Amino acid sequence: MSARAFRVAHRGREGMADTYFAPTAGKARYLALLDIRDVLPDCSFSDLRVKSLGIIETPRERAERQAAEWNAAHGPGTPIRVYGLFEDEKTAFDTIAKEPGAYVLANHVVIKVPGDCYLVSHVKIRTPAQAEGGAA
C-alpha cells in the first residue's frame, strides 16, 4: 500500500520544506513538528503549512519493487561482476548471486553473494560467454 506524501513547511520559511509520508495531513504536520522542535522550540502546530503531493511509493516500497524485479529477471545463481565504489577493475571480482538474490536492507536493494552483500548499483550481470571465459 502506498502512502500519501506531504510537503510540510514552516510559515515564512517555505523554502525549507521537507517531505513526509503519512496517512493524513495532520499526521505529517505532527511528524514535522517533532523534527522542527529542536531548532524552533516556539513553533506550534498552526505554524506549519502542509501541501499534499499525492499517493506515491515510499522509499521502502520502491526498494521492494526493484528487488522483486531483479529477482524475476535474474535471481539466485546468476553470474555477476561486483565492483567497488568507483567501478575499479582492479578490485572487481566475479561471483554468483546466492539465495535470496536481491533483497531490501535499510531501504536499499542489495544482492547476496557468498559471504557478503553488495548494493545492486555495484553489480553488473555477466553474459554466459563472459561467465564461461572469465572475461569482464
C-alpha atoms as a PDB file:
ATOM      1  CA  MET A   1       0.000   0.000   0.000  1.00  0.00           C
ATOM      2  CA  SER A   2       1.423   3.366  -0.996  1.00  0.00           C
ATOM      3  CA  ALA A   3       1.397   6.250   1.440  1.00  0.00           C
ATOM      4  CA  ARG A   4       0.443   9.806   0.750  1.00  0.00           C
ATOM      5  CA  ALA A   5       3.327  12.259   0.555  1.00  0.00           C
ATOM      6  CA  PHE A   6       3.054  15.718   2.091  1.00  0.00           C
ATOM      7  CA  ARG A   7       5.332  18.750   1.812  1.00  0.00           C
ATOM      8  CA  VAL A   8       5.479  20.479   5.191  1.00  0.00           C
ATOM      9  CA  ALA A   9       6.976  23.963   5.625  1.00  0.00           C
ATOM     10  CA  HIS A  10       7.138  26.456   8.480  1.00  0.00           C
ATOM     11  CA  ARG A  11       5.162  29.639   7.783  1.00  0.00           C
ATOM     12  CA  GLY A  12       7.637  32.212   6.459  1.00  0.00           C
ATOM     13  CA  ARG A  13      10.235  29.537   5.635  1.00  0.00           C
ATOM     14  CA  GLU A  14       8.586  27.774   2.679  1.00  0.00           C
ATOM     15  CA  GLY A  15      11.976  27.278   1.017  1.00  0.00           C
ATOM     16  CA  MET A  16      12.983  24.926   3.824  1.00  0.00           C
ATOM     17  CA  ALA A  17      10.239  22.333   3.402  1.00  0.00           C
ATOM     18  CA  ASP A  18      10.558  18.582   3.953  1.00  0.00           C
ATOM     19  CA  THR A  19       8.601  15.643   2.565  1.00  0.00           C
ATOM     20  CA  TYR A  20       6.801  13.297   4.957  1.00  0.00           C
ATOM     21  CA  PHE A  21       4.973  10.044   4.231  1.00  0.00           C
ATOM     22  CA  ALA A  22       1.837   9.756   6.342  1.00  0.00           C
ATOM     23  CA  PRO A  23      -1.783   8.634   6.069  1.00  0.00           C
ATOM     24  CA  THR A  24      -3.144  12.150   6.770  1.00  0.00           C
ATOM     25  CA  ALA A  25      -2.026  15.782   6.580  1.00  0.00           C
ATOM     26  CA  GLY A  26      -2.389  16.089  10.352  1.00  0.00           C
ATOM     27  CA  LYS A  27      -0.034  13.175  10.959  1.00  0.00           C
ATOM     28  CA  ALA A  28       2.501  14.669   8.514  1.00  0.00           C
ATOM     29  CA  ARG A  29       2.270  18.004  10.322  1.00  0.00           C
ATOM     30  CA  TYR A  30       2.787  16.269  13.682  1.00  0.00           C
ATOM     31  CA  LEU A  31       5.884  14.402  12.389  1.00  0.00           C
ATOM     32  CA  ALA A  32       7.302  17.679  11.084  1.00  0.00           C
ATOM     33  CA  LEU A  33       6.612  19.383  14.414  1.00  0.00           C
ATOM     34  CA  LEU A  34       8.583  16.665  16.226  1.00  0.00           C
ATOM     35  CA  ASP A  35      11.513  17.208  13.836  1.00  0.00           C
ATOM     36  CA  ILE A  36      11.494  21.019  13.967  1.00  0.00           C
ATOM     37  CA  ARG A  37      11.033  21.475  17.731  1.00  0.00           C
ATOM     38  CA  ASP A  38      14.819  21.259  18.414  1.00  0.00           C
ATOM     39  CA  VAL A  39      15.578  24.129  16.025  1.00  0.00           C
ATOM     40  CA  LEU A  40      12.460  26.228  16.623  1.00  0.00           C
ATOM     41  CA  PRO A  41      11.229  25.455  20.168  1.00  0.00           C
ATOM     42  CA  ASP A  42       8.444  28.075  19.989  1.00  0.00           C
ATOM     43  CA  CYS A  43       6.986  26.529  16.797  1.00  0.00           C
ATOM     44  CA  SER A  44       3.371  25.449  17.093  1.00  0.00           C
ATOM     45  CA  PHE A  45       1.148  23.129  15.112  1.00  0.00           C
ATOM     46  CA  SER A  46      -0.571  26.085  13.403  1.00  0.00           C
ATOM     47  CA  ASP A  47       2.783  27.484  12.174  1.00  0.00           C
ATOM     48  CA  LEU A  48       3.215  24.560   9.776  1.00  0.00           C
ATOM     49  CA  ARG A  49       1.763  24.552   6.256  1.00  0.00           C
ATOM     50  CA  VAL A  50       1.013  21.243   4.556  1.00  0.00           C
ATOM     51  CA  LYS A  51       0.655  20.510   0.847  1.00  0.00           C
ATOM     52  CA  SER A  52      -0.322  17.077  -0.465  1.00  0.00           C
ATOM     53  CA  LEU A  53       1.964  15.637  -3.142  1.00  0.00           C
ATOM     54  CA  GLY A  54      -0.360  12.726  -3.817  1.00  0.00           C
ATOM     55  CA  ILE A  55      -0.034   8.987  -3.359  1.00  0.00           C
ATOM     56  CA  ILE A  56       3.470   7.834  -4.230  1.00  0.00           C
ATOM     57  CA  GLU A  57       5.760   4.956  -3.362  1.00  0.00           C
ATOM     58  CA  THR A  58       7.668   5.192  -0.120  1.00  0.00           C
ATOM     59  CA  PRO A  59      11.417   4.550  -0.361  1.00  0.00           C
ATOM     60  CA  ARG A  60      10.857   1.094   1.179  1.00  0.00           C
ATOM     61  CA  GLU A  61       8.137   0.199  -1.352  1.00  0.00           C
ATOM     62  CA  ARG A  62      10.325   1.333  -4.245  1.00  0.00           C
ATOM     63  CA  ALA A  63      13.226  -0.812  -2.994  1.00  0.00           C
ATOM     64  CA  GLU A  64      10.932  -3.843  -2.559  1.00  0.00           C
ATOM     65  CA  ARG A  65       9.640  -3.428  -6.109  1.00  0.00           C
ATOM     66  CA  GLN A  66      13.176  -3.117  -7.516  1.00  0.00           C
ATOM     67  CA  ALA A  67      14.315  -6.236  -5.621  1.00  0.00           C
ATOM     68  CA  ALA A  68      11.322  -8.210  -6.920  1.00  0.00           C
ATOM     69  CA  GLU A  69      12.049  -7.054 -10.489  1.00  0.00           C
ATOM     70  CA  TRP A  70      15.736  -8.065 -10.188  1.00  0.00           C
ATOM     71  CA  ASN A  71      14.814 -11.485  -8.800  1.00  0.00           C
ATOM     72  CA  ALA A  72      12.219 -12.048 -11.542  1.00  0.00           C
ATOM     73  CA  ALA A  73      14.730 -11.151 -14.269  1.00  0.00           C
ATOM     74  CA  HIS A  74      17.867 -12.743 -12.803  1.00  0.00           C
ATOM     75  CA  GLY A  75      17.522 -14.414  -9.413  1.00  0.00           C
ATOM     76  CA  PRO A  76      19.934 -16.629  -7.461  1.00  0.00           C
ATOM     77  CA  GLY A  77      22.664 -18.400  -9.435  1.00  0.00           C
ATOM     78  CA  THR A  78      23.110 -15.543 -11.913  1.00  0.00           C
ATOM     79  CA  PRO A  79      26.777 -14.876 -12.795  1.00  0.00           C
ATOM     80  CA  ILE A  80      27.659 -11.318 -11.760  1.00  0.00           C
ATOM     81  CA  ARG A  81      30.635  -8.985 -11.541  1.00  0.00           C
ATOM     82  CA  VAL A  82      30.916  -6.961  -8.331  1.00  0.00           C
ATOM     83  CA  TYR A  83      32.618  -3.570  -8.360  1.00  0.00           C
ATOM     84  CA  GLY A  84      33.852  -1.310  -5.596  1.00  0.00           C
ATOM     85  CA  LEU A  85      32.738   2.243  -5.067  1.00  0.00           C
ATOM     86  CA  PHE A  86      34.288   3.601  -8.280  1.00  0.00           C
ATOM     87  CA  GLU A  87      33.836   0.587 -10.602  1.00  0.00           C
ATOM     88  CA  ASP A  88      37.567  -0.060 -10.428  1.00  0.00           C
ATOM     89  CA  GLU A  89      38.584  -3.129 -12.462  1.00  0.00           C
ATOM     90  CA  LYS A  90      41.436  -3.844 -10.034  1.00  0.00           C
ATOM     91  CA  THR A  91      39.050  -4.508  -7.161  1.00  0.00           C
ATOM     92  CA  ALA A  92      36.224  -6.074  -9.206  1.00  0.00           C
ATOM     93  CA  PHE A  93      35.559  -9.775  -8.866  1.00  0.00           C
ATOM     94  CA  ASP A  94      33.308 -12.375 -10.491  1.00  0.00           C
ATOM     95  CA  THR A  95      30.882 -14.467  -8.474  1.00  0.00           C
ATOM     96  CA  ILE A  96      27.268 -15.652  -8.497  1.00  0.00           C
ATOM     97  CA  ALA A  97      24.182 -14.314  -6.769  1.00  0.00           C
ATOM     98  CA  LYS A  98      23.176 -16.503  -3.812  1.00  0.00           C
ATOM     99  CA  GLU A  99      19.788 -17.126  -2.204  1.00  0.00           C
ATOM    100  CA  PRO A 100      17.701 -14.971  -1.759  1.00  0.00           C
ATOM    101  CA  GLY A 101      19.199 -12.953  -4.649  1.00  0.00           C
ATOM    102  CA  ALA A 102      18.155  -9.324  -4.271  1.00  0.00           C
ATOM    103  CA  TYR A 103      16.549  -8.143  -1.059  1.00  0.00           C
ATOM    104  CA  VAL A 104      15.927  -4.905   0.814  1.00  0.00           C
ATOM    105  CA  LEU A 105      18.314  -3.768   3.529  1.00  0.00           C
ATOM    106  CA  ALA A 106      17.648  -0.355   5.110  1.00  0.00           C
ATOM    107  CA  ASN A 107      15.593   0.792   2.076  1.00  0.00           C
ATOM    108  CA  HIS A 108      18.388  -0.178  -0.351  1.00  0.00           C
ATOM    109  CA  VAL A 109      18.420  -3.113  -2.760  1.00  0.00           C
ATOM    110  CA  VAL A 110      21.352  -5.442  -2.123  1.00  0.00           C
ATOM    111  CA  ILE A 111      22.494  -8.625  -3.865  1.00  0.00           C
ATOM    112  CA  LYS A 112      23.586 -11.573  -1.749  1.00  0.00           C
ATOM    113  CA  VAL A 113      26.940 -13.083  -2.791  1.00  0.00           C
ATOM    114  CA  PRO A 114      28.975 -15.746  -0.983  1.00  0.00           C
ATOM    115  CA  GLY A 115      30.000 -14.284   2.364  1.00  0.00           C
ATOM    116  CA  ASP A 116      28.670 -10.751   1.807  1.00  0.00           C
ATOM    117  CA  CYS A 117      26.122  -8.495   0.087  1.00  0.00           C
ATOM    118  CA  TYR A 118      26.526  -5.522  -2.267  1.00  0.00           C
ATOM    119  CA  LEU A 119      24.305  -2.684  -3.464  1.00  0.00           C
ATOM    120  CA  VAL A 120      22.621  -3.531  -6.749  1.00  0.00           C
ATOM    121  CA  SER A 121      24.250  -0.420  -8.248  1.00  0.00           C
ATOM    122  CA  HIS A 122      27.676  -2.097  -7.740  1.00  0.00           C
ATOM    123  CA  VAL A 123      26.715  -5.291  -9.574  1.00  0.00           C
ATOM    124  CA  LYS A 124      26.693  -5.979 -13.308  1.00  0.00           C
ATOM    125  CA  ILE A 125      25.232  -9.100 -14.918  1.00  0.00           C
ATOM    126  CA  ARG A 126      27.749 -11.210 -16.834  1.00  0.00           C
ATOM    127  CA  THR A 127      26.739 -12.805 -20.121  1.00  0.00           C
ATOM    128  CA  PRO A 128      27.083 -16.589 -20.490  1.00  0.00           C
ATOM    129  CA  ALA A 129      30.175 -16.043 -22.692  1.00  0.00           C
ATOM    130  CA  GLN A 130      31.776 -13.848 -20.000  1.00  0.00           C
ATOM    131  CA  ALA A 131      30.906 -16.393 -17.313  1.00  0.00           C
ATOM    132  CA  GLU A 132      32.477 -19.242 -19.334  1.00  0.00           C
ATOM    133  CA  GLY A 133      35.649 -17.388 -20.296  1.00  0.00           C
ATOM    134  CA  GLY A 134      36.053 -15.377 -17.085  1.00  0.00           C
ATOM    135  CA  ALA A 135      36.344 -12.124 -19.074  1.00  0.00           C
ATOM    136  CA  ALA A 136      34.712  -8.937 -17.858  1.00  0.00           C
END
